[in-house]
Amino acid sequence: MRNWRSFFGFVLAVAAPAAGADAGAPPPAVPPCVKVQTQAIFSGAGYNHVVGIENGCTRAAACEVSTDVAPEKLAVTVPPSESRELVTFRGSPASEFKATVKCALKN
């Protein structure tokens, strides 16, 4: 019986920090019901950088989009059950880019 209590105490001691670690983490930049994808589409004169946002939520999503190639923030509101595509750069020589997307659900 004594070994069982020691083991149980050890499990609690190990599990407690893991559970508390997420409590202070910042909220995700995009709600789980919002999906983001990026693509670089060749257009003959270079690559067009496109960021797609699909809103599967029941409320509209107000989003800000920027990329490592085009750091100026673009704002877009995506209604529920709809999607939007933003061209962030046209004719880029870069076939890859990284998008930063932050969305908040409207009330």
Protein backbone atom coordinates (compact mmCIF):
# COMPACT_ATOMS: atom_id res chain seq x y z
CA MET A 1 0.00 0.00 0.00
CA ARG A 2 2.86 2.36 0.81
CA ASN A 3 4.43 1.92 -2.67
CA TRP A 4 1.09 2.73 -4.31
CA ARG A 5 0.85 6.06 -2.44
CA SER A 6 4.43 6.95 -3.37
CA PHE A 7 3.78 6.13 -7.01
CA PHE A 8 0.54 8.14 -7.05
CA GLY A 9 2.30 11.14 -5.47
CA PHE A 10 5.07 10.90 -8.06
CA VAL A 11 2.55 10.85 -10.92
CA LEU A 12 0.81 13.94 -9.53
CA ALA A 13 4.10 15.77 -9.09
CA VAL A 14 5.14 15.03 -12.67
CA ALA A 15 1.73 15.74 -14.24
CA ALA A 16 0.99 18.97 -12.36
CA PRO A 17 3.66 21.14 -14.04
CA ALA A 18 2.63 19.92 -17.49
CA ALA A 19 -0.99 20.86 -16.88
CA GLY A 20 -0.04 24.27 -15.50
CA ALA A 21 2.39 25.08 -18.31
CA ASP A 22 -0.39 25.66 -20.87
CA ALA A 23 -2.36 27.88 -18.49
CA GLY A 24 0.00 30.81 -19.10
CA ALA A 25 0.41 30.23 -22.84
CA PRO A 26 -0.95 32.93 -25.14
CA PRO A 27 -4.14 32.12 -27.02
CA PRO A 28 -3.67 30.76 -30.54
CA ALA A 29 -3.34 33.37 -33.31
CA VAL A 30 -6.14 31.68 -35.24
CA PRO A 31 -9.22 29.98 -33.72
CA PRO A 32 -9.38 26.22 -34.34
CA CYS A 33 -12.36 26.62 -36.70
CA VAL A 34 -10.37 28.93 -39.02
CA LYS A 35 -8.01 27.29 -41.53
CA VAL A 36 -5.17 29.10 -43.27
CA GLN A 37 -3.18 27.97 -46.29
CA THR A 38 -0.53 29.62 -48.42
CA GLN A 39 0.53 29.08 -51.99
CA ALA A 40 2.96 30.65 -54.43
CA ILE A 41 1.45 30.52 -57.91
CA PHE A 42 3.77 31.02 -60.89
CA SER A 43 2.40 33.68 -63.25
CA GLY A 44 5.09 34.01 -65.90
CA ALA A 45 6.55 37.18 -64.38
CA GLY A 46 7.23 35.55 -61.02
CA TYR A 47 5.19 34.11 -58.20
CA ASN A 48 1.97 35.50 -56.80
CA HIS A 49 1.81 34.89 -53.05
CA VAL A 50 -1.71 33.94 -51.97
CA VAL A 51 -3.02 33.45 -48.43
CA GLY A 52 -6.33 31.62 -48.15
CA ILE A 53 -8.53 31.83 -45.05
CA GLU A 54 -11.46 29.47 -44.57
CA ASN A 55 -13.89 30.28 -41.76
CA GLY A 56 -15.68 27.21 -40.42
CA CYS A 57 -16.91 29.13 -37.36
CA THR A 58 -20.45 30.29 -36.59
CA ARG A 59 -19.24 33.92 -36.27
CA ALA A 60 -17.33 36.20 -38.65
CA ALA A 61 -13.55 36.25 -38.31
CA ALA A 62 -11.64 39.55 -38.45
CA CYS A 63 -8.12 38.73 -39.64
CA GLU A 64 -4.81 40.49 -40.21
CA VAL A 65 -2.38 39.01 -42.72
CA SER A 66 1.25 39.81 -43.41
CA THR A 67 4.16 37.86 -44.85
CA ASP A 68 7.92 37.85 -44.63
CA VAL A 69 7.99 39.21 -48.21
CA ALA A 70 5.17 41.77 -47.75
CA PRO A 71 5.19 42.83 -44.07
CA GLU A 72 2.44 45.46 -44.40
CA LYS A 73 -0.68 44.12 -42.65
CA LEU A 74 -3.81 43.50 -44.70
CA ALA A 75 -7.19 43.32 -42.96
CA VAL A 76 -9.99 41.04 -44.07
CA THR A 77 -13.27 39.90 -42.53
CA VAL A 78 -14.37 36.39 -43.42
CA PRO A 79 -18.06 35.64 -42.84
CA PRO A 80 -19.08 32.31 -41.27
CA SER A 81 -18.82 29.29 -43.59
CA GLU A 82 -17.00 31.32 -46.26
CA SER A 83 -13.42 31.75 -47.43
CA ARG A 84 -11.28 34.57 -48.79
CA GLU A 85 -8.01 34.66 -50.71
CA LEU A 86 -5.58 37.55 -50.42
CA VAL A 87 -2.81 38.16 -52.94
CA THR A 88 -0.07 39.61 -50.77
CA PHE A 89 2.60 39.97 -53.49
CA ARG A 90 2.59 39.77 -57.31
CA GLY A 91 5.55 38.80 -59.44
CA SER A 92 7.87 37.76 -56.63
CA PRO A 93 11.08 35.90 -57.48
CA ALA A 94 10.54 33.85 -54.30
CA SER A 95 8.66 30.57 -54.69
CA GLU A 96 8.24 30.29 -50.92
CA PHE A 97 7.04 32.70 -48.26
CA LYS A 98 5.86 32.64 -44.67
CA ALA A 99 2.52 34.16 -43.68
CA THR A 100 1.57 35.54 -40.28
CA VAL A 101 -2.19 35.43 -39.73
CA LYS A 102 -4.08 36.59 -36.66
CA CYS A 103 -7.84 36.23 -36.44
CA ALA A 104 -10.44 37.09 -33.81
CA LEU A 105 -14.07 36.05 -33.90
CA LYS A 106 -16.58 38.90 -33.92
CA ASN A 107 -19.47 39.00 -31.47
